[in-house]
Amino acid sequence: MGGGMAKLNEHTGYVIAPDPSALRLTRTVEGGDQTGAATRIAVVEERPLTIFLNRQEIVTAMTIGDYPEYLALGFLRNQGMLLPDDVISGVDYDEELETVVVRTERQTSYEEKLKKKTRTSGCAVGTVFGDMMEGLEEVRLPQVEVRTSWLYALASQINRTPSLYLEAGAIHGTVLCREDRPLVYMEDVGRHNAVDKIAGWMLSESEGAGDKILYTTGRLTSEMVIKTAMMGIPVLASRSGFTAWGVEIARQVGLTLIGRMRGQRFVCLSGEDRLARDVDPASVPEEERKHRRKSAAN
């Protein structure tokens, strides 16, 4: 895989940003409107995408439909079905059949791995094949410094960026960042899908992970922490809450874990010795009400 340098989107400031074609209009009647007048509102798409690895069907994912090739690549990489030394000979998306076929020079069979499934926690429940912890003991994340000024700047920029969430809601966002600069913004009905899309983009572009921060609007569960660690990203931040196992795994692998990142506040659950407090929180503006997601209560 690989390709030319991706261009910066002059409207969003991101290399890759959410695709507005994942929205459509639908008819609705507001319950509080006594006239019963019909209006039209934007809603996110939800459609199946079946992923194949060579000739083997792996999974059908419910997704909003944008960036299907990245989703397939990232899902297979995060499931341990695409290995770092695999040579990818093609990625074929068929919009009519709603399939993506990832082809490799190494012929594979994952029949045994596919027999064991773990339904993960959170909304738009995901699936992990095989042992969730497989390979995690070998992960050695770089111990990078994280400036609090970067965290405050990222939260502010991401909240103000045009997004499918601001248009329609009912969706999670995940952003790949370098220091205080967002690079890739992916959204989907399941936060795990959004992470997989970013993993697929990184694989396609041969983008390194050691200097990155992964930001998500979703909860910091075990699956989110494991995926981030397996991708080699040393920092994971969220505007939402966290689970005990997610925190335990982050500490085990040396992942800097930041939760409840909103306005002037955040909590550091792992890697606090790597935080550089270079800005006074009192100088950081509070989050505007219109940018507060429902998850802010978590």
C-alpha atoms as a PDB file:
ATOM      1  CA  MET A   1       0.000   0.000   0.000  1.00  0.00           C
ATOM      2  CA  GLY A   2       1.003   3.583   0.328  1.00  0.00           C
ATOM      3  CA  GLY A   3       0.508   6.598  -1.826  1.00  0.00           C
ATOM      4  CA  GLY A   4       1.215  10.273  -2.233  1.00  0.00           C
ATOM      5  CA  MET A   5       1.039  12.858   0.496  1.00  0.00           C
ATOM      6  CA  ALA A   6      -2.535  13.520   1.573  1.00  0.00           C
ATOM      7  CA  LYS A   7      -3.570  17.159   1.198  1.00  0.00           C
ATOM      8  CA  LEU A   8      -4.758  19.396   4.017  1.00  0.00           C
ATOM      9  CA  ASN A   9      -8.471  20.228   3.825  1.00  0.00           C
ATOM     10  CA  GLU A  10      -8.608  24.029   3.698  1.00  0.00           C
ATOM     11  CA  HIS A  11     -12.091  24.117   5.238  1.00  0.00           C
ATOM     12  CA  THR A  12     -11.534  21.848   8.254  1.00  0.00           C
ATOM     13  CA  GLY A  13      -7.775  21.986   8.724  1.00  0.00           C
ATOM     14  CA  TYR A  14      -7.585  18.181   8.727  1.00  0.00           C
ATOM     15  CA  VAL A  15      -5.718  15.895   6.356  1.00  0.00           C
ATOM     16  CA  ILE A  16      -8.782  13.633   6.443  1.00  0.00           C
ATOM     17  CA  ALA A  17     -12.155  14.828   7.741  1.00  0.00           C
ATOM     18  CA  PRO A  18     -15.675  13.373   8.049  1.00  0.00           C
ATOM     19  CA  ASP A  19     -17.479  12.795   4.764  1.00  0.00           C
ATOM     20  CA  PRO A  20     -20.768  14.760   4.606  1.00  0.00           C
ATOM     21  CA  SER A  21     -22.177  12.204   2.147  1.00  0.00           C
ATOM     22  CA  ALA A  22     -22.740   9.982   5.215  1.00  0.00           C
ATOM     23  CA  LEU A  23     -25.720  12.219   6.064  1.00  0.00           C
ATOM     24  CA  ARG A  24     -29.176  12.211   4.509  1.00  0.00           C
ATOM     25  CA  LEU A  25     -32.409  14.071   5.155  1.00  0.00           C
ATOM     26  CA  THR A  26     -35.506  12.468   6.618  1.00  0.00           C
ATOM     27  CA  ARG A  27     -39.029  13.684   7.368  1.00  0.00           C
ATOM     28  CA  THR A  28     -39.945  14.313  10.994  1.00  0.00           C
ATOM     29  CA  VAL A  29     -42.703  15.860  13.092  1.00  0.00           C
ATOM     30  CA  GLU A  30     -41.710  17.586  16.326  1.00  0.00           C
ATOM     31  CA  GLY A  31     -43.690  16.413  19.352  1.00  0.00           C
ATOM     32  CA  GLY A  32     -43.643  19.893  20.890  1.00  0.00           C
ATOM     33  CA  ASP A  33     -45.063  21.535  17.777  1.00  0.00           C
ATOM     34  CA  GLN A  34     -48.838  21.743  18.222  1.00  0.00           C
ATOM     35  CA  THR A  35     -49.353  22.414  14.495  1.00  0.00           C
ATOM     36  CA  GLY A  36     -48.070  18.954  13.540  1.00  0.00           C
ATOM     37  CA  ALA A  37     -46.031  20.516  10.756  1.00  0.00           C
ATOM     38  CA  ALA A  38     -43.468  18.229   9.101  1.00  0.00           C
ATOM     39  CA  THR A  39     -39.828  19.250   8.808  1.00  0.00           C
ATOM     40  CA  ARG A  40     -36.689  17.639   7.438  1.00  0.00           C
ATOM     41  CA  ILE A  41     -33.624  16.888   9.533  1.00  0.00           C
ATOM     42  CA  ALA A  42     -30.209  15.352   8.884  1.00  0.00           C
ATOM     43  CA  VAL A  43     -29.559  11.791  10.074  1.00  0.00           C
ATOM     44  CA  VAL A  44     -26.447   9.634   9.786  1.00  0.00           C
ATOM     45  CA  GLU A  45     -26.401   6.648   7.476  1.00  0.00           C
ATOM     46  CA  GLU A  46     -26.107   3.129   8.864  1.00  0.00           C
ATOM     47  CA  ARG A  47     -25.332   0.363   6.410  1.00  0.00           C
ATOM     48  CA  PRO A  48     -23.614  -3.040   6.347  1.00  0.00           C
ATOM     49  CA  LEU A  49     -20.089  -3.529   5.065  1.00  0.00           C
ATOM     50  CA  THR A  50     -18.745  -7.072   4.677  1.00  0.00           C
ATOM     51  CA  ILE A  51     -14.974  -7.414   4.972  1.00  0.00           C
ATOM     52  CA  PHE A  52     -13.054 -10.195   3.244  1.00  0.00           C
ATOM     53  CA  LEU A  53      -9.398 -11.112   3.667  1.00  0.00           C
ATOM     54  CA  ASN A  54      -8.453 -12.762   0.395  1.00  0.00           C
ATOM     55  CA  ARG A  55     -11.183 -15.409  -0.094  1.00  0.00           C
ATOM     56  CA  GLN A  56     -12.268 -15.579   3.541  1.00  0.00           C
ATOM     57  CA  GLU A  57     -15.275 -13.638   4.822  1.00  0.00           C
ATOM     58  CA  ILE A  58     -14.314 -12.068   8.157  1.00  0.00           C
ATOM     59  CA  VAL A  59     -17.154  -9.883   9.442  1.00  0.00           C
ATOM     60  CA  THR A  60     -20.062  -7.652   8.489  1.00  0.00           C
ATOM     61  CA  ALA A  61     -19.812  -4.281  10.223  1.00  0.00           C
ATOM     62  CA  MET A  62     -22.558  -1.689  10.587  1.00  0.00           C
ATOM     63  CA  THR A  63     -21.025   1.618   9.572  1.00  0.00           C
ATOM     64  CA  ILE A  64     -21.894   5.019   8.138  1.00  0.00           C
ATOM     65  CA  GLY A  65     -20.299   4.018   4.845  1.00  0.00           C
ATOM     66  CA  ASP A  66     -17.477   6.527   4.432  1.00  0.00           C
ATOM     67  CA  TYR A  67     -13.857   5.415   3.952  1.00  0.00           C
ATOM     68  CA  PRO A  68     -14.680   1.678   3.652  1.00  0.00           C
ATOM     69  CA  GLU A  69     -11.151   0.765   2.547  1.00  0.00           C
ATOM     70  CA  TYR A  70      -9.623   2.366   5.637  1.00  0.00           C
ATOM     71  CA  LEU A  71     -12.180   0.633   7.861  1.00  0.00           C
ATOM     72  CA  ALA A  72     -11.369  -2.776   6.379  1.00  0.00           C
ATOM     73  CA  LEU A  73      -7.595  -2.318   6.610  1.00  0.00           C
ATOM     74  CA  GLY A  74      -7.745  -0.977  10.143  1.00  0.00           C
ATOM     75  CA  PHE A  75     -10.140  -3.645  11.372  1.00  0.00           C
ATOM     76  CA  LEU A  76      -7.947  -6.442  10.028  1.00  0.00           C
ATOM     77  CA  ARG A  77      -4.779  -4.860  11.437  1.00  0.00           C
ATOM     78  CA  ASN A  78      -6.340  -4.280  14.853  1.00  0.00           C
ATOM     79  CA  GLN A  79      -7.629  -7.867  14.916  1.00  0.00           C
ATOM     80  CA  GLY A  80      -4.121  -9.202  14.259  1.00  0.00           C
ATOM     81  CA  MET A  81      -5.137 -10.604  10.871  1.00  0.00           C
ATOM     82  CA  LEU A  82      -2.900  -8.243   8.912  1.00  0.00           C
ATOM     83  CA  LEU A  83       0.674  -8.566  10.129  1.00  0.00           C
ATOM     84  CA  PRO A  84       3.268  -5.774   9.911  1.00  0.00           C
ATOM     85  CA  ASP A  85       5.251  -7.622   7.243  1.00  0.00           C
ATOM     86  CA  ASP A  86       2.225  -8.529   5.100  1.00  0.00           C
ATOM     87  CA  VAL A  87       2.376  -7.219   1.536  1.00  0.00           C
ATOM     88  CA  ILE A  88      -1.043  -5.869   0.547  1.00  0.00           C
ATOM     89  CA  SER A  89      -1.620  -6.415  -3.144  1.00  0.00           C
ATOM     90  CA  GLY A  90      -5.037  -4.773  -3.391  1.00  0.00           C
ATOM     91  CA  VAL A  91      -8.065  -3.344  -1.608  1.00  0.00           C
ATOM     92  CA  ASP A  92     -11.246  -3.643  -3.679  1.00  0.00           C
ATOM     93  CA  TYR A  93     -14.453  -1.922  -2.613  1.00  0.00           C
ATOM     94  CA  ASP A  94     -17.734  -2.851  -4.318  1.00  0.00           C
ATOM     95  CA  GLU A  95     -20.376  -0.259  -3.449  1.00  0.00           C
ATOM     96  CA  GLU A  96     -23.229  -2.291  -4.956  1.00  0.00           C
ATOM     97  CA  LEU A  97     -22.347  -5.491  -3.065  1.00  0.00           C
ATOM     98  CA  GLU A  98     -21.288  -3.527   0.046  1.00  0.00           C
ATOM     99  CA  THR A  99     -18.044  -5.469   0.349  1.00  0.00           C
ATOM    100  CA  VAL A 100     -14.349  -4.743   0.750  1.00  0.00           C
ATOM    101  CA  VAL A 101     -11.800  -7.405  -0.209  1.00  0.00           C
ATOM    102  CA  VAL A 102      -8.277  -6.956   1.138  1.00  0.00           C
ATOM    103  CA  ARG A 103      -5.768  -9.055  -0.793  1.00  0.00           C
ATOM    104  CA  THR A 104      -2.340 -10.066   0.491  1.00  0.00           C
ATOM    105  CA  GLU A 105       0.530 -12.005  -1.030  1.00  0.00           C
ATOM    106  CA  ARG A 106       0.526 -14.260   2.036  1.00  0.00           C
ATOM    107  CA  GLN A 107      -2.422 -16.624   1.927  1.00  0.00           C
ATOM    108  CA  THR A 108      -4.238 -16.791   5.235  1.00  0.00           C
ATOM    109  CA  SER A 109      -6.853 -18.797   7.088  1.00  0.00           C
ATOM    110  CA  TYR A 110      -8.372 -17.610  10.348  1.00  0.00           C
ATOM    111  CA  GLU A 111     -11.077 -20.241  10.814  1.00  0.00           C
ATOM    112  CA  GLU A 112      -9.980 -21.081  14.363  1.00  0.00           C
ATOM    113  CA  LYS A 113      -9.584 -17.440  15.397  1.00  0.00           C
ATOM    114  CA  LEU A 114     -13.047 -16.585  14.070  1.00  0.00           C
ATOM    115  CA  LYS A 115     -14.637 -19.249  16.277  1.00  0.00           C
ATOM    116  CA  LYS A 116     -13.899 -17.214  19.421  1.00  0.00           C
ATOM    117  CA  LYS A 117     -15.772 -13.916  19.613  1.00  0.00           C
ATOM    118  CA  THR A 118     -15.904 -11.326  22.375  1.00  0.00           C
ATOM    119  CA  ARG A 119     -18.724  -8.779  22.318  1.00  0.00           C
ATOM    120  CA  THR A 120     -17.139  -5.619  23.627  1.00  0.00           C
ATOM    121  CA  SER A 121     -18.716  -2.986  25.856  1.00  0.00           C
ATOM    122  CA  GLY A 122     -20.241   0.327  24.882  1.00  0.00           C
ATOM    123  CA  CYS A 123     -22.658   1.577  22.282  1.00  0.00           C
ATOM    124  CA  ALA A 124     -22.723   0.008  18.816  1.00  0.00           C
ATOM    125  CA  VAL A 125     -21.195  -3.120  20.373  1.00  0.00           C
ATOM    126  CA  GLY A 126     -18.071  -4.365  18.624  1.00  0.00           C
ATOM    127  CA  THR A 127     -16.552  -7.788  18.154  1.00  0.00           C
ATOM    128  CA  VAL A 128     -13.038  -8.985  18.898  1.00  0.00           C
ATOM    129  CA  PHE A 129     -11.970 -12.316  17.412  1.00  0.00           C
ATOM    130  CA  GLY A 130      -9.629 -14.571  19.349  1.00  0.00           C
ATOM    131  CA  ASP A 131      -7.912 -13.523  22.582  1.00  0.00           C
ATOM    132  CA  MET A 132      -8.351  -9.788  23.286  1.00  0.00           C
ATOM    133  CA  MET A 133      -5.008  -9.671  25.115  1.00  0.00           C
ATOM    134  CA  GLU A 134      -3.037 -11.564  22.440  1.00  0.00           C
ATOM    135  CA  GLY A 135       0.251  -9.801  21.687  1.00  0.00           C
ATOM    136  CA  LEU A 136      -0.274  -7.124  24.332  1.00  0.00           C
ATOM    137  CA  GLU A 137       2.564  -8.400  26.518  1.00  0.00           C
ATOM    138  CA  GLU A 138       4.976  -7.526  23.702  1.00  0.00           C
ATOM    139  CA  VAL A 139       3.844  -3.897  23.419  1.00  0.00           C
ATOM    140  CA  ARG A 140       6.446  -1.304  24.446  1.00  0.00           C
ATOM    141  CA  LEU A 141       5.096   2.187  23.945  1.00  0.00           C
ATOM    142  CA  PRO A 142       7.439   5.192  23.675  1.00  0.00           C
ATOM    143  CA  GLN A 143       7.422   7.301  26.836  1.00  0.00           C
ATOM    144  CA  VAL A 144       6.740  10.707  25.311  1.00  0.00           C
ATOM    145  CA  GLU A 145       6.114  14.010  27.041  1.00  0.00           C
ATOM    146  CA  VAL A 146       2.595  15.396  26.749  1.00  0.00           C
ATOM    147  CA  ARG A 147       2.088  19.126  27.239  1.00  0.00           C
ATOM    148  CA  THR A 148      -1.157  20.193  28.844  1.00  0.00           C
ATOM    149  CA  SER A 149      -1.291  23.088  26.363  1.00  0.00           C
ATOM    150  CA  TRP A 150      -1.612  20.494  23.573  1.00  0.00           C
ATOM    151  CA  LEU A 151      -4.549  18.817  25.314  1.00  0.00           C
ATOM    152  CA  TYR A 152      -6.424  22.083  25.857  1.00  0.00           C
ATOM    153  CA  ALA A 153      -5.774  23.215  22.274  1.00  0.00           C
ATOM    154  CA  LEU A 154      -6.881  19.893  20.794  1.00  0.00           C
ATOM    155  CA  ALA A 155     -10.118  19.769  22.775  1.00  0.00           C
ATOM    156  CA  SER A 156     -10.990  23.308  21.668  1.00  0.00           C
ATOM    157  CA  GLN A 157     -10.132  22.736  17.990  1.00  0.00           C
ATOM    158  CA  ILE A 158     -11.931  19.410  17.737  1.00  0.00           C
ATOM    159  CA  ASN A 159     -15.103  20.749  19.368  1.00  0.00           C
ATOM    160  CA  ARG A 160     -15.308  23.619  16.877  1.00  0.00           C
ATOM    161  CA  THR A 161     -14.598  21.563  13.764  1.00  0.00           C
ATOM    162  CA  PRO A 162     -17.595  20.992  11.431  1.00  0.00           C
ATOM    163  CA  SER A 163     -18.656  17.404  12.002  1.00  0.00           C
ATOM    164  CA  LEU A 164     -21.420  14.909  11.385  1.00  0.00           C
ATOM    165  CA  TYR A 165     -22.139  15.004  15.123  1.00  0.00           C
ATOM    166  CA  LEU A 166     -22.872  18.737  15.057  1.00  0.00           C
ATOM    167  CA  GLU A 167     -25.143  18.169  12.057  1.00  0.00           C
ATOM    168  CA  ALA A 168     -27.054  15.110  13.247  1.00  0.00           C
ATOM    169  CA  GLY A 169     -25.745  13.657  16.531  1.00  0.00           C
ATOM    170  CA  ALA A 170     -25.929   9.879  17.224  1.00  0.00           C
ATOM    171  CA  ILE A 171     -22.281   9.349  16.322  1.00  0.00           C
ATOM    172  CA  HIS A 172     -18.787   9.070  17.812  1.00  0.00           C
ATOM    173  CA  GLY A 173     -15.635  10.861  16.706  1.00  0.00           C
ATOM    174  CA  THR A 174     -11.976   9.820  16.874  1.00  0.00           C
ATOM    175  CA  VAL A 175      -9.077  12.089  15.953  1.00  0.00           C
ATOM    176  CA  LEU A 176      -5.418  11.321  15.272  1.00  0.00           C
ATOM    177  CA  CYS A 177      -3.221  14.201  16.411  1.00  0.00           C
ATOM    178  CA  ARG A 178       0.430  15.247  16.514  1.00  0.00           C
ATOM    179  CA  GLU A 179       1.176  17.563  19.442  1.00  0.00           C
ATOM    180  CA  ASP A 180      -1.532  20.276  19.202  1.00  0.00           C
ATOM    181  CA  ARG A 181      -2.414  19.605  15.548  1.00  0.00           C
ATOM    182  CA  PRO A 182      -5.318  17.307  14.545  1.00  0.00           C
ATOM    183  CA  LEU A 183      -4.487  15.253  11.438  1.00  0.00           C
ATOM    184  CA  VAL A 184      -7.285  12.766  10.806  1.00  0.00           C
ATOM    185  CA  TYR A 185     -10.889  12.998  12.004  1.00  0.00           C
ATOM    186  CA  MET A 186     -13.095   9.932  11.606  1.00  0.00           C
ATOM    187  CA  GLU A 187     -16.671   9.447  12.788  1.00  0.00           C
ATOM    188  CA  ASP A 188     -18.949   6.409  12.980  1.00  0.00           C
ATOM    189  CA  VAL A 189     -21.886   4.959  14.900  1.00  0.00           C
ATOM    190  CA  GLY A 190     -19.395   2.832  16.833  1.00  0.00           C
ATOM    191  CA  ARG A 191     -16.261   4.366  18.292  1.00  0.00           C
ATOM    192  CA  HIS A 192     -14.342   1.173  17.454  1.00  0.00           C
ATOM    193  CA  ASN A 193     -15.170   1.684  13.754  1.00  0.00           C
ATOM    194  CA  ALA A 194     -13.796   5.223  13.913  1.00  0.00           C
ATOM    195  CA  VAL A 195     -10.556   3.954  15.476  1.00  0.00           C
ATOM    196  CA  ASP A 196     -10.251   1.233  12.831  1.00  0.00           C
ATOM    197  CA  LYS A 197     -10.601   3.832  10.063  1.00  0.00           C
ATOM    198  CA  ILE A 198      -7.711   5.780  11.544  1.00  0.00           C
ATOM    199  CA  ALA A 199      -5.635   2.594  11.818  1.00  0.00           C
ATOM    200  CA  GLY A 200      -6.393   1.892   8.159  1.00  0.00           C
ATOM    201  CA  TRP A 201      -5.356   5.395   7.112  1.00  0.00           C
ATOM    202  CA  MET A 202      -2.095   5.061   9.037  1.00  0.00           C
ATOM    203  CA  LEU A 203      -1.388   1.707   7.374  1.00  0.00           C
ATOM    204  CA  SER A 204      -2.231   3.025   3.913  1.00  0.00           C
ATOM    205  CA  GLU A 205      -0.063   6.131   4.331  1.00  0.00           C
ATOM    206  CA  SER A 206       2.759   4.366   6.246  1.00  0.00           C
ATOM    207  CA  GLU A 207       2.211   6.922   9.014  1.00  0.00           C
ATOM    208  CA  GLY A 208       4.213   6.435  12.211  1.00  0.00           C
ATOM    209  CA  ALA A 209       2.499   6.147  15.590  1.00  0.00           C
ATOM    210  CA  GLY A 210       5.171   6.984  18.162  1.00  0.00           C
ATOM    211  CA  ASP A 211       4.581  10.750  18.172  1.00  0.00           C
ATOM    212  CA  LYS A 212       0.768  10.681  18.021  1.00  0.00           C
ATOM    213  CA  ILE A 213      -2.155  11.351  20.349  1.00  0.00           C
ATOM    214  CA  LEU A 214      -5.477   9.563  19.806  1.00  0.00           C
ATOM    215  CA  TYR A 215      -8.556  11.524  20.894  1.00  0.00           C
ATOM    216  CA  THR A 216     -12.014   9.993  21.177  1.00  0.00           C
ATOM    217  CA  THR A 217     -15.453  11.094  22.273  1.00  0.00           C
ATOM    218  CA  GLY A 218     -16.192   7.590  23.556  1.00  0.00           C
ATOM    219  CA  ARG A 219     -15.529   5.877  26.867  1.00  0.00           C
ATOM    220  CA  LEU A 220     -12.080   4.505  27.609  1.00  0.00           C
ATOM    221  CA  THR A 221     -12.924   0.823  27.803  1.00  0.00           C
ATOM    222  CA  SER A 222     -10.561  -2.135  27.567  1.00  0.00           C
ATOM    223  CA  GLU A 223     -11.068  -2.441  23.808  1.00  0.00           C
ATOM    224  CA  MET A 224     -10.218   1.205  23.164  1.00  0.00           C
ATOM    225  CA  VAL A 225      -7.077   1.008  25.286  1.00  0.00           C
ATOM    226  CA  ILE A 226      -5.954  -2.283  23.707  1.00  0.00           C
ATOM    227  CA  LYS A 227      -6.489  -1.000  20.156  1.00  0.00           C
ATOM    228  CA  THR A 228      -4.542   2.189  20.868  1.00  0.00           C
ATOM    229  CA  ALA A 229      -1.666   0.253  22.418  1.00  0.00           C
ATOM    230  CA  MET A 230      -1.545  -2.280  19.569  1.00  0.00           C
ATOM    231  CA  MET A 231      -1.458   0.617  17.088  1.00  0.00           C
ATOM    232  CA  GLY A 232       1.654   1.891  18.902  1.00  0.00           C
ATOM    233  CA  ILE A 233       0.114   5.236  19.886  1.00  0.00           C
ATOM    234  CA  PRO A 234       1.453   6.368  23.290  1.00  0.00           C
ATOM    235  CA  VAL A 235      -1.340   8.769  24.342  1.00  0.00           C
ATOM    236  CA  LEU A 236      -5.121   8.233  24.461  1.00  0.00           C
ATOM    237  CA  ALA A 237      -7.456  11.058  25.490  1.00  0.00           C
ATOM    238  CA  SER A 238     -11.234  11.230  25.775  1.00  0.00           C
ATOM    239  CA  ARG A 239     -13.933  13.664  26.777  1.00  0.00           C
ATOM    240  CA  SER A 240     -15.775  10.750  28.407  1.00  0.00           C
ATOM    241  CA  GLY A 241     -15.299   8.366  31.315  1.00  0.00           C
ATOM    242  CA  PHE A 242     -13.394   5.110  31.701  1.00  0.00           C
ATOM    243  CA  THR A 243     -13.525   1.587  33.079  1.00  0.00           C
ATOM    244  CA  ALA A 244     -11.295  -0.024  35.699  1.00  0.00           C
ATOM    245  CA  TRP A 245      -9.919  -2.598  33.248  1.00  0.00           C
ATOM    246  CA  GLY A 246      -9.177   0.106  30.693  1.00  0.00           C
ATOM    247  CA  VAL A 247      -7.144   2.004  33.295  1.00  0.00           C
ATOM    248  CA  GLU A 248      -5.362  -1.178  34.444  1.00  0.00           C
ATOM    249  CA  ILE A 249      -4.310  -2.119  30.910  1.00  0.00           C
ATOM    250  CA  ALA A 250      -3.107   1.443  30.190  1.00  0.00           C
ATOM    251  CA  ARG A 251      -0.836   1.306  33.237  1.00  0.00           C
ATOM    252  CA  GLN A 252       0.385  -2.152  32.247  1.00  0.00           C
ATOM    253  CA  VAL A 253       1.545  -1.075  28.776  1.00  0.00           C
ATOM    254  CA  GLY A 254       2.727   2.447  29.679  1.00  0.00           C
ATOM    255  CA  LEU A 255      -0.045   4.283  27.843  1.00  0.00           C
ATOM    256  CA  THR A 256      -0.721   7.872  28.922  1.00  0.00           C
ATOM    257  CA  LEU A 257      -4.479   7.893  29.546  1.00  0.00           C
ATOM    258  CA  ILE A 258      -6.514  11.102  29.816  1.00  0.00           C
ATOM    259  CA  GLY A 259     -10.248  11.112  30.582  1.00  0.00           C
ATOM    260  CA  ARG A 260     -13.077  13.637  31.031  1.00  0.00           C
ATOM    261  CA  MET A 261     -11.207  16.226  28.966  1.00  0.00           C
ATOM    262  CA  ARG A 262     -13.587  19.181  28.779  1.00  0.00           C
ATOM    263  CA  GLY A 263     -12.780  22.866  28.959  1.00  0.00           C
ATOM    264  CA  GLN A 264     -10.372  23.540  31.830  1.00  0.00           C
ATOM    265  CA  ARG A 265     -10.564  20.047  33.282  1.00  0.00           C
ATOM    266  CA  PHE A 266      -9.248  16.557  32.645  1.00  0.00           C
ATOM    267  CA  VAL A 267      -8.112  13.590  34.715  1.00  0.00           C
ATOM    268  CA  CYS A 268      -4.879  11.695  34.094  1.00  0.00           C
ATOM    269  CA  LEU A 269      -5.314   8.003  34.887  1.00  0.00           C
ATOM    270  CA  SER A 270      -1.965   6.684  33.677  1.00  0.00           C
ATOM    271  CA  GLY A 271       1.353   8.305  32.774  1.00  0.00           C
ATOM    272  CA  GLU A 272       1.018  11.383  34.993  1.00  0.00           C
ATOM    273  CA  ASP A 273       4.828  11.613  35.211  1.00  0.00           C
ATOM    274  CA  ARG A 274       4.875  12.340  31.475  1.00  0.00           C
ATOM    275  CA  LEU A 275       2.587  15.381  31.742  1.00  0.00           C
ATOM    276  CA  ALA A 276       4.257  18.776  31.292  1.00  0.00           C
ATOM    277  CA  ARG A 277       1.988  21.392  32.887  1.00  0.00           C
ATOM    278  CA  ASP A 278       2.931  24.359  30.720  1.00  0.00           C
ATOM    279  CA  VAL A 279      -0.290  26.389  30.872  1.00  0.00           C
ATOM    280  CA  ASP A 280      -2.491  27.763  33.644  1.00  0.00           C
ATOM    281  CA  PRO A 281      -5.921  26.046  33.404  1.00  0.00           C
ATOM    282  CA  ALA A 282      -7.561  29.303  34.513  1.00  0.00           C
ATOM    283  CA  SER A 283      -6.514  30.821  31.178  1.00  0.00           C
ATOM    284  CA  VAL A 284      -8.390  28.130  29.237  1.00  0.00           C
ATOM    285  CA  PRO A 285     -11.966  29.096  28.214  1.00  0.00           C
ATOM    286  CA  GLU A 286     -14.800  26.875  29.353  1.00  0.00           C
ATOM    287  CA  GLU A 287     -16.474  24.661  26.764  1.00  0.00           C
ATOM    288  CA  GLU A 288     -19.415  26.312  25.011  1.00  0.00           C
ATOM    289  CA  ARG A 289     -22.773  24.693  25.683  1.00  0.00           C
ATOM    290  CA  LYS A 290     -23.462  24.053  21.974  1.00  0.00           C
ATOM    291  CA  HIS A 291     -20.329  21.884  21.796  1.00  0.00           C
ATOM    292  CA  ARG A 292     -21.143  19.694  24.796  1.00  0.00           C
ATOM    293  CA  ARG A 293     -21.892  16.140  23.725  1.00  0.00           C
ATOM    294  CA  LYS A 294     -24.247  13.892  25.635  1.00  0.00           C
ATOM    295  CA  SER A 295     -21.252  11.860  26.728  1.00  0.00           C
ATOM    296  CA  ALA A 296     -20.055  14.791  28.816  1.00  0.00           C
ATOM    297  CA  ALA A 297     -22.055  13.395  31.743  1.00  0.00           C
ATOM    298  CA  ASN A 298     -19.946  10.202  31.822  1.00  0.00           C
END
